[in-house]
Amino acid sequence: MGIEFIQGDDGIFIHQRKFAAEFLKKFKMEDSNSVKTPIETEIKLTKEGDGRTIDATYFKQIVGSHRYLTCARPDICYVVGLVSRYMESP
């Protein structure tokens, strides 16, 4: 499943480092900047508007991969759930 465990003196930790690296490579995001807050604060997402059209299949693949990462990354759960609302028609 891509989940790895590390046991140390201070506890057991889980991570998905390998899956995350493969995910970034697959979607050509290796050079992306890391951030502490994965979404802009005060942002309002909407399906309405003049935004550009994107490939729905590609969007669903990215969101699905992010959903899988939430097992070991609770810090991204909120944002992934928020973006998942738009999987029907991105």
PDB file of N, CA and C in Angstrom:
ATOM      1  N   MET A   1       0.807  -1.203   0.000  1.00  0.00           N
ATOM      2  CA  MET A   1       0.000   0.000   0.000  1.00  0.00           C
ATOM      3  C   MET A   1       0.842   1.255   0.000  1.00  0.00           C
ATOM      4  N   GLY A   2       2.120   1.128   0.116  1.00  0.00           N
ATOM      5  CA  GLY A   2       2.978   2.293   0.064  1.00  0.00           C
ATOM      6  C   GLY A   2       3.187   2.980   1.396  1.00  0.00           C
ATOM      7  N   ILE A   3       2.650   2.416   2.457  1.00  0.00           N
ATOM      8  CA  ILE A   3       2.829   3.008   3.784  1.00  0.00           C
ATOM      9  C   ILE A   3       4.031   2.339   4.436  1.00  0.00           C
ATOM     10  N   GLU A   4       4.952   3.155   4.932  1.00  0.00           N
ATOM     11  CA  GLU A   4       6.161   2.642   5.564  1.00  0.00           C
ATOM     12  C   GLU A   4       6.161   3.049   7.038  1.00  0.00           C
ATOM     13  N   PHE A   5       6.746   2.218   7.852  1.00  0.00           N
ATOM     14  CA  PHE A   5       6.805   2.461   9.290  1.00  0.00           C
ATOM     15  C   PHE A   5       8.260   2.595   9.736  1.00  0.00           C
ATOM     16  N   ILE A   6       8.492   3.521  10.635  1.00  0.00           N
ATOM     17  CA  ILE A   6       9.810   3.704  11.223  1.00  0.00           C
ATOM     18  C   ILE A   6       9.642   3.613  12.734  1.00  0.00           C
ATOM     19  N   GLN A   7      10.384   2.704  13.351  1.00  0.00           N
ATOM     20  CA  GLN A   7      10.305   2.562  14.794  1.00  0.00           C
ATOM     21  C   GLN A   7      11.588   3.099  15.406  1.00  0.00           C
ATOM     22  N   GLY A   8      11.422   4.004  16.335  1.00  0.00           N
ATOM     23  CA  GLY A   8      12.561   4.589  17.026  1.00  0.00           C
ATOM     24  C   GLY A   8      12.327   4.611  18.514  1.00  0.00           C
ATOM     25  N   ASP A   9      13.274   5.154  19.242  1.00  0.00           N
ATOM     26  CA  ASP A   9      13.149   5.241  20.697  1.00  0.00           C
ATOM     27  C   ASP A   9      11.975   6.121  21.130  1.00  0.00           C
ATOM     28  N   ASP A  10      11.625   7.106  20.269  1.00  0.00           N
ATOM     29  CA  ASP A  10      10.558   8.029  20.638  1.00  0.00           C
ATOM     30  C   ASP A  10       9.204   7.664  20.036  1.00  0.00           C
ATOM     31  N   GLY A  11       9.077   6.487  19.429  1.00  0.00           N
ATOM     32  CA  GLY A  11       7.775   6.034  18.937  1.00  0.00           C
ATOM     33  C   GLY A  11       7.835   5.411  17.560  1.00  0.00           C
ATOM     34  N   ILE A  12       6.657   5.117  17.049  1.00  0.00           N
ATOM     35  CA  ILE A  12       6.513   4.548  15.712  1.00  0.00           C
ATOM     36  C   ILE A  12       5.889   5.617  14.823  1.00  0.00           C
ATOM     37  N   PHE A  13       6.459   5.822  13.666  1.00  0.00           N
ATOM     38  CA  PHE A  13       5.999   6.845  12.736  1.00  0.00           C
ATOM     39  C   PHE A  13       5.674   6.197  11.398  1.00  0.00           C
ATOM     40  N   ILE A  14       4.633   6.716  10.740  1.00  0.00           N
ATOM     41  CA  ILE A  14       4.307   6.222   9.406  1.00  0.00           C
ATOM     42  C   ILE A  14       4.577   7.322   8.393  1.00  0.00           C
ATOM     43  N   HIS A  15       4.936   6.904   7.196  1.00  0.00           N
ATOM     44  CA  HIS A  15       5.126   7.866   6.122  1.00  0.00           C
ATOM     45  C   HIS A  15       4.895   7.187   4.784  1.00  0.00           C
ATOM     46  N   GLN A  16       4.749   7.986   3.767  1.00  0.00           N
ATOM     47  CA  GLN A  16       4.552   7.502   2.408  1.00  0.00           C
ATOM     48  C   GLN A  16       5.537   8.198   1.473  1.00  0.00           C
ATOM     49  N   ARG A  17       6.759   8.302   1.898  1.00  0.00           N
ATOM     50  CA  ARG A  17       7.781   9.032   1.163  1.00  0.00           C
ATOM     51  C   ARG A  17       7.919   8.551  -0.281  1.00  0.00           C
ATOM     52  N   LYS A  18       7.977   7.230  -0.472  1.00  0.00           N
ATOM     53  CA  LYS A  18       8.154   6.676  -1.824  1.00  0.00           C
ATOM     54  C   LYS A  18       6.940   6.992  -2.698  1.00  0.00           C
ATOM     55  N   PHE A  19       5.728   6.777  -2.151  1.00  0.00           N
ATOM     56  CA  PHE A  19       4.516   7.077  -2.919  1.00  0.00           C
ATOM     57  C   PHE A  19       4.455   8.557  -3.269  1.00  0.00           C
ATOM     58  N   ALA A  20       4.783   9.418  -2.321  1.00  0.00           N
ATOM     59  CA  ALA A  20       4.742  10.859  -2.556  1.00  0.00           C
ATOM     60  C   ALA A  20       5.731  11.267  -3.649  1.00  0.00           C
ATOM     61  N   ALA A  21       6.914  10.678  -3.641  1.00  0.00           N
ATOM     62  CA  ALA A  21       7.917  10.991  -4.675  1.00  0.00           C
ATOM     63  C   ALA A  21       7.424  10.543  -6.054  1.00  0.00           C
ATOM     64  N   GLU A  22       6.836   9.351  -6.117  1.00  0.00           N
ATOM     65  CA  GLU A  22       6.301   8.852  -7.393  1.00  0.00           C
ATOM     66  C   GLU A  22       5.130   9.712  -7.871  1.00  0.00           C
ATOM     67  N   PHE A  23       4.302  10.136  -6.936  1.00  0.00           N
ATOM     68  CA  PHE A  23       3.164  11.004  -7.239  1.00  0.00           C
ATOM     69  C   PHE A  23       3.640  12.325  -7.844  1.00  0.00           C
ATOM     70  N   LEU A  24       4.616  12.946  -7.204  1.00  0.00           N
ATOM     71  CA  LEU A  24       5.146  14.214  -7.708  1.00  0.00           C
ATOM     72  C   LEU A  24       5.756  14.052  -9.099  1.00  0.00           C
ATOM     73  N   LYS A  25       6.447  12.961  -9.308  1.00  0.00           N
ATOM     74  CA  LYS A  25       7.057  12.708 -10.613  1.00  0.00           C
ATOM     75  C   LYS A  25       5.990  12.477 -11.677  1.00  0.00           C
ATOM     76  N   LYS A  26       4.977  11.668 -11.370  1.00  0.00           N
ATOM     77  CA  LYS A  26       3.916  11.339 -12.325  1.00  0.00           C
ATOM     78  C   LYS A  26       3.198  12.585 -12.820  1.00  0.00           C
ATOM     79  N   PHE A  27       2.944  13.527 -11.924  1.00  0.00           N
ATOM     80  CA  PHE A  27       2.203  14.728 -12.286  1.00  0.00           C
ATOM     81  C   PHE A  27       3.113  15.932 -12.546  1.00  0.00           C
ATOM     82  N   LYS A  28       4.407  15.660 -12.739  1.00  0.00           N
ATOM     83  CA  LYS A  28       5.398  16.691 -13.076  1.00  0.00           C
ATOM     84  C   LYS A  28       5.379  17.844 -12.073  1.00  0.00           C
ATOM     85  N   MET A  29       5.426  17.478 -10.792  1.00  0.00           N
ATOM     86  CA  MET A  29       5.378  18.469  -9.721  1.00  0.00           C
ATOM     87  C   MET A  29       6.630  18.410  -8.843  1.00  0.00           C
ATOM     88  N   GLU A  30       7.714  17.808  -9.355  1.00  0.00           N
ATOM     89  CA  GLU A  30       8.919  17.631  -8.543  1.00  0.00           C
ATOM     90  C   GLU A  30       9.516  18.953  -8.085  1.00  0.00           C
ATOM     91  N   ASP A  31       9.328  19.999  -8.869  1.00  0.00           N
ATOM     92  CA  ASP A  31       9.923  21.297  -8.548  1.00  0.00           C
ATOM     93  C   ASP A  31       8.969  22.213  -7.782  1.00  0.00           C
ATOM     94  N   SER A  32       7.852  21.683  -7.327  1.00  0.00           N
ATOM     95  CA  SER A  32       6.881  22.494  -6.585  1.00  0.00           C
ATOM     96  C   SER A  32       7.458  22.904  -5.238  1.00  0.00           C
ATOM     97  N   ASN A  33       7.040  24.052  -4.769  1.00  0.00           N
ATOM     98  CA  ASN A  33       7.481  24.542  -3.463  1.00  0.00           C
ATOM     99  C   ASN A  33       6.615  23.927  -2.368  1.00  0.00           C
ATOM    100  N   SER A  34       7.226  23.570  -1.261  1.00  0.00           N
ATOM    101  CA  SER A  34       6.437  23.092  -0.131  1.00  0.00           C
ATOM    102  C   SER A  34       5.929  24.301   0.657  1.00  0.00           C
ATOM    103  N   VAL A  35       4.780  24.129   1.288  1.00  0.00           N
ATOM    104  CA  VAL A  35       4.177  25.205   2.061  1.00  0.00           C
ATOM    105  C   VAL A  35       3.641  24.643   3.371  1.00  0.00           C
ATOM    106  N   LYS A  36       3.476  25.504   4.350  1.00  0.00           N
ATOM    107  CA  LYS A  36       2.922  25.068   5.630  1.00  0.00           C
ATOM    108  C   LYS A  36       1.405  24.968   5.565  1.00  0.00           C
ATOM    109  N   THR A  37       0.767  25.857   4.828  1.00  0.00           N
ATOM    110  CA  THR A  37      -0.682  25.846   4.663  1.00  0.00           C
ATOM    111  C   THR A  37      -0.980  25.481   3.215  1.00  0.00           C
ATOM    112  N   PRO A  38      -1.577  24.285   2.973  1.00  0.00           N
ATOM    113  CA  PRO A  38      -1.751  23.830   1.594  1.00  0.00           C
ATOM    114  C   PRO A  38      -2.860  24.516   0.803  1.00  0.00           C
ATOM    115  N   ILE A  39      -3.493  25.537   1.360  1.00  0.00           N
ATOM    116  CA  ILE A  39      -4.484  26.323   0.621  1.00  0.00           C
ATOM    117  C   ILE A  39      -4.417  27.752   1.130  1.00  0.00           C
ATOM    118  N   GLU A  40      -4.681  28.679   0.246  1.00  0.00           N
ATOM    119  CA  GLU A  40      -4.694  30.075   0.668  1.00  0.00           C
ATOM    120  C   GLU A  40      -5.825  30.287   1.669  1.00  0.00           C
ATOM    121  N   THR A  41      -5.531  31.029   2.718  1.00  0.00           N
ATOM    122  CA  THR A  41      -6.588  31.313   3.681  1.00  0.00           C
ATOM    123  C   THR A  41      -7.573  32.288   3.052  1.00  0.00           C
ATOM    124  N   GLU A  42      -8.804  32.226   3.471  1.00  0.00           N
ATOM    125  CA  GLU A  42      -9.884  33.092   2.987  1.00  0.00           C
ATOM    126  C   GLU A  42     -10.232  32.855   1.509  1.00  0.00           C
ATOM    127  N   ILE A  43      -9.801  31.731   0.928  1.00  0.00           N
ATOM    128  CA  ILE A  43     -10.122  31.462  -0.471  1.00  0.00           C
ATOM    129  C   ILE A  43     -11.523  30.873  -0.563  1.00  0.00           C
ATOM    130  N   LYS A  44     -12.248  31.249  -1.606  1.00  0.00           N
ATOM    131  CA  LYS A  44     -13.589  30.705  -1.821  1.00  0.00           C
ATOM    132  C   LYS A  44     -13.578  29.983  -3.162  1.00  0.00           C
ATOM    133  N   LEU A  45     -13.753  28.663  -3.096  1.00  0.00           N
ATOM    134  CA  LEU A  45     -13.804  27.874  -4.312  1.00  0.00           C
ATOM    135  C   LEU A  45     -15.236  27.826  -4.823  1.00  0.00           C
ATOM    136  N   THR A  46     -15.404  27.822  -6.133  1.00  0.00           N
ATOM    137  CA  THR A  46     -16.721  27.763  -6.731  1.00  0.00           C
ATOM    138  C   THR A  46     -16.644  27.079  -8.084  1.00  0.00           C
ATOM    139  N   LYS A  47     -17.730  26.452  -8.483  1.00  0.00           N
ATOM    140  CA  LYS A  47     -17.798  25.827  -9.803  1.00  0.00           C
ATOM    141  C   LYS A  47     -18.175  26.857 -10.860  1.00  0.00           C
ATOM    142  N   GLU A  48     -18.731  27.957 -10.435  1.00  0.00           N
ATOM    143  CA  GLU A  48     -19.172  29.014 -11.341  1.00  0.00           C
ATOM    144  C   GLU A  48     -18.008  29.952 -11.647  1.00  0.00           C
ATOM    145  N   GLY A  49     -18.102  30.631 -12.768  1.00  0.00           N
ATOM    146  CA  GLY A  49     -17.081  31.627 -13.067  1.00  0.00           C
ATOM    147  C   GLY A  49     -16.433  31.403 -14.417  1.00  0.00           C
ATOM    148  N   ASP A  50     -15.416  32.188 -14.673  1.00  0.00           N
ATOM    149  CA  ASP A  50     -14.742  32.178 -15.967  1.00  0.00           C
ATOM    150  C   ASP A  50     -13.420  31.443 -15.927  1.00  0.00           C
ATOM    151  N   GLY A  51     -13.255  30.509 -15.007  1.00  0.00           N
ATOM    152  CA  GLY A  51     -12.006  29.757 -14.914  1.00  0.00           C
ATOM    153  C   GLY A  51     -11.777  28.930 -16.167  1.00  0.00           C
ATOM    154  N   ARG A  52     -10.553  28.549 -16.376  1.00  0.00           N
ATOM    155  CA  ARG A  52     -10.236  27.766 -17.579  1.00  0.00           C
ATOM    156  C   ARG A  52     -10.700  26.324 -17.406  1.00  0.00           C
ATOM    157  N   THR A  53     -11.058  25.707 -18.506  1.00  0.00           N
ATOM    158  CA  THR A  53     -11.506  24.318 -18.495  1.00  0.00           C
ATOM    159  C   THR A  53     -10.293  23.407 -18.384  1.00  0.00           C
ATOM    160  N   ILE A  54     -10.415  22.354 -17.579  1.00  0.00           N
ATOM    161  CA  ILE A  54      -9.314  21.410 -17.421  1.00  0.00           C
ATOM    162  C   ILE A  54      -9.803  19.998 -17.724  1.00  0.00           C
ATOM    163  N   ASP A  55      -8.883  19.107 -17.924  1.00  0.00           N
ATOM    164  CA  ASP A  55      -9.189  17.708 -18.179  1.00  0.00           C
ATOM    165  C   ASP A  55      -9.693  17.073 -16.879  1.00  0.00           C
ATOM    166  N   ALA A  56     -10.963  16.646 -16.861  1.00  0.00           N
ATOM    167  CA  ALA A  56     -11.574  16.108 -15.647  1.00  0.00           C
ATOM    168  C   ALA A  56     -10.884  14.827 -15.181  1.00  0.00           C
ATOM    169  N   THR A  57     -10.457  13.980 -16.117  1.00  0.00           N
ATOM    170  CA  THR A  57      -9.785  12.737 -15.742  1.00  0.00           C
ATOM    171  C   THR A  57      -8.470  13.030 -15.031  1.00  0.00           C
ATOM    172  N   TYR A  58      -7.694  13.964 -15.560  1.00  0.00           N
ATOM    173  CA  TYR A  58      -6.420  14.348 -14.952  1.00  0.00           C
ATOM    174  C   TYR A  58      -6.650  14.908 -13.548  1.00  0.00           C
ATOM    175  N   PHE A  59      -7.650  15.769 -13.395  1.00  0.00           N
ATOM    176  CA  PHE A  59      -7.982  16.352 -12.097  1.00  0.00           C
ATOM    177  C   PHE A  59      -8.336  15.257 -11.095  1.00  0.00           C
ATOM    178  N   LYS A  60      -9.145  14.289 -11.517  1.00  0.00           N
ATOM    179  CA  LYS A  60      -9.565  13.201 -10.630  1.00  0.00           C
ATOM    180  C   LYS A  60      -8.389  12.323 -10.223  1.00  0.00           C
ATOM    181  N   GLN A  61      -7.434  12.139 -11.131  1.00  0.00           N
ATOM    182  CA  GLN A  61      -6.240  11.358 -10.788  1.00  0.00           C
ATOM    183  C   GLN A  61      -5.420  12.071  -9.718  1.00  0.00           C
ATOM    184  N   ILE A  62      -5.249  13.362  -9.869  1.00  0.00           N
ATOM    185  CA  ILE A  62      -4.484  14.141  -8.889  1.00  0.00           C
ATOM    186  C   ILE A  62      -5.178  14.121  -7.526  1.00  0.00           C
ATOM    187  N   VAL A  63      -6.482  14.378  -7.509  1.00  0.00           N
ATOM    188  CA  VAL A  63      -7.221  14.402  -6.248  1.00  0.00           C
ATOM    189  C   VAL A  63      -7.222  13.015  -5.611  1.00  0.00           C
ATOM    190  N   GLY A  64      -7.405  11.965  -6.413  1.00  0.00           N
ATOM    191  CA  GLY A  64      -7.390  10.605  -5.876  1.00  0.00           C
ATOM    192  C   GLY A  64      -6.060  10.256  -5.236  1.00  0.00           C
ATOM    193  N   SER A  65      -4.981  10.658  -5.876  1.00  0.00           N
ATOM    194  CA  SER A  65      -3.647  10.413  -5.306  1.00  0.00           C
ATOM    195  C   SER A  65      -3.469  11.175  -4.005  1.00  0.00           C
ATOM    196  N   HIS A  66      -3.968  12.396  -3.949  1.00  0.00           N
ATOM    197  CA  HIS A  66      -3.902  13.175  -2.709  1.00  0.00           C
ATOM    198  C   HIS A  66      -4.722  12.500  -1.606  1.00  0.00           C
ATOM    199  N   ARG A  67      -5.884  11.957  -1.961  1.00  0.00           N
ATOM    200  CA  ARG A  67      -6.727  11.284  -0.959  1.00  0.00           C
ATOM    201  C   ARG A  67      -5.975  10.111  -0.347  1.00  0.00           C
ATOM    202  N   TYR A  68      -5.216   9.408  -1.158  1.00  0.00           N
ATOM    203  CA  TYR A  68      -4.442   8.281  -0.657  1.00  0.00           C
ATOM    204  C   TYR A  68      -3.356   8.760   0.319  1.00  0.00           C
ATOM    205  N   LEU A  69      -2.796   9.922   0.044  1.00  0.00           N
ATOM    206  CA  LEU A  69      -1.747  10.465   0.917  1.00  0.00           C
ATOM    207  C   LEU A  69      -2.270  10.909   2.275  1.00  0.00           C
ATOM    208  N   THR A  70      -3.559  11.132   2.416  1.00  0.00           N
ATOM    209  CA  THR A  70      -4.082  11.628   3.687  1.00  0.00           C
ATOM    210  C   THR A  70      -3.946  10.621   4.822  1.00  0.00           C
ATOM    211  N   CYS A  71      -3.665   9.334   4.506  1.00  0.00           N
ATOM    212  CA  CYS A  71      -3.455   8.322   5.565  1.00  0.00           C
ATOM    213  C   CYS A  71      -2.318   8.748   6.490  1.00  0.00           C
ATOM    214  N   ALA A  72      -1.251   9.242   5.895  1.00  0.00           N
ATOM    215  CA  ALA A  72      -0.065   9.601   6.671  1.00  0.00           C
ATOM    216  C   ALA A  72       0.122  11.107   6.791  1.00  0.00           C
ATOM    217  N   ARG A  73      -0.769  11.889   6.189  1.00  0.00           N
ATOM    218  CA  ARG A  73      -0.627  13.345   6.200  1.00  0.00           C
ATOM    219  C   ARG A  73      -1.920  14.013   6.622  1.00  0.00           C
ATOM    220  N   PRO A  74      -2.257  13.966   7.913  1.00  0.00           N
ATOM    221  CA  PRO A  74      -3.510  14.586   8.355  1.00  0.00           C
ATOM    222  C   PRO A  74      -3.543  16.100   8.116  1.00  0.00           C
ATOM    223  N   ASP A  75      -2.403  16.710   7.904  1.00  0.00           N
ATOM    224  CA  ASP A  75      -2.362  18.149   7.663  1.00  0.00           C
ATOM    225  C   ASP A  75      -2.968  18.533   6.321  1.00  0.00           C
ATOM    226  N   ILE A  76      -3.127  17.574   5.401  1.00  0.00           N
ATOM    227  CA  ILE A  76      -3.716  17.903   4.101  1.00  0.00           C
ATOM    228  C   ILE A  76      -5.156  17.399   3.963  1.00  0.00           C
ATOM    229  N   CYS A  77      -5.696  16.754   4.992  1.00  0.00           N
ATOM    230  CA  CYS A  77      -7.053  16.185   4.929  1.00  0.00           C
ATOM    231  C   CYS A  77      -8.106  17.230   4.569  1.00  0.00           C
ATOM    232  N   TYR A  78      -8.070  18.376   5.220  1.00  0.00           N
ATOM    233  CA  TYR A  78      -9.090  19.397   4.975  1.00  0.00           C
ATOM    234  C   TYR A  78      -9.076  19.855   3.525  1.00  0.00           C
ATOM    235  N   VAL A  79      -7.915  20.188   3.023  1.00  0.00           N
ATOM    236  CA  VAL A  79      -7.806  20.705   1.661  1.00  0.00           C
ATOM    237  C   VAL A  79      -8.208  19.652   0.638  1.00  0.00           C
ATOM    238  N   VAL A  80      -7.766  18.424   0.833  1.00  0.00           N
ATOM    239  CA  VAL A  80      -8.114  17.351  -0.101  1.00  0.00           C
ATOM    240  C   VAL A  80      -9.631  17.143  -0.104  1.00  0.00           C
ATOM    241  N   GLY A  81     -10.253  17.174   1.063  1.00  0.00           N
ATOM    242  CA  GLY A  81     -11.704  17.054   1.137  1.00  0.00           C
ATOM    243  C   GLY A  81     -12.406  18.205   0.442  1.00  0.00           C
ATOM    244  N   LEU A  82     -11.886  19.401   0.616  1.00  0.00           N
ATOM    245  CA  LEU A  82     -12.456  20.587  -0.012  1.00  0.00           C
ATOM    246  C   LEU A  82     -12.387  20.483  -1.533  1.00  0.00           C
ATOM    247  N   VAL A  83     -11.237  20.128  -2.047  1.00  0.00           N
ATOM    248  CA  VAL A  83     -11.054  20.021  -3.500  1.00  0.00           C
ATOM    249  C   VAL A  83     -11.839  18.840  -4.069  1.00  0.00           C
ATOM    250  N   SER A  84     -12.023  17.787  -3.259  1.00  0.00           N
ATOM    251  CA  SER A  84     -12.771  16.614  -3.710  1.00  0.00           C
ATOM    252  C   SER A  84     -14.215  16.942  -4.073  1.00  0.00           C
ATOM    253  N   ARG A  85     -14.735  18.002  -3.505  1.00  0.00           N
ATOM    254  CA  ARG A  85     -16.114  18.415  -3.809  1.00  0.00           C
ATOM    255  C   ARG A  85     -16.298  18.746  -5.283  1.00  0.00           C
ATOM    256  N   TYR A  86     -15.211  19.039  -5.966  1.00  0.00           N
ATOM    257  CA  TYR A  86     -15.293  19.477  -7.365  1.00  0.00           C
ATOM    258  C   TYR A  86     -14.901  18.382  -8.353  1.00  0.00           C
ATOM    259  N   MET A  87     -14.871  17.137  -7.898  1.00  0.00           N
ATOM    260  CA  MET A  87     -14.466  16.043  -8.780  1.00  0.00           C
ATOM    261  C   MET A  87     -15.522  15.747  -9.852  1.00  0.00           C
ATOM    262  N   GLU A  88     -16.761  16.018  -9.561  1.00  0.00           N
ATOM    263  CA  GLU A  88     -17.835  15.742 -10.532  1.00  0.00           C
ATOM    264  C   GLU A  88     -17.652  16.549 -11.811  1.00  0.00           C
ATOM    265  N   SER A  89     -17.437  17.841 -11.645  1.00  0.00           N
ATOM    266  CA  SER A  89     -17.227  18.717 -12.815  1.00  0.00           C
ATOM    267  C   SER A  89     -16.240  19.806 -12.435  1.00  0.00           C
ATOM    268  N   PRO A  90     -14.935  19.507 -12.555  1.00  0.00           N
ATOM    269  CA  PRO A  90     -13.907  20.469 -12.130  1.00  0.00           C
ATOM    270  C   PRO A  90     -13.888  21.720 -12.995  1.00  0.00           C
TER     271      PRO A  90
END
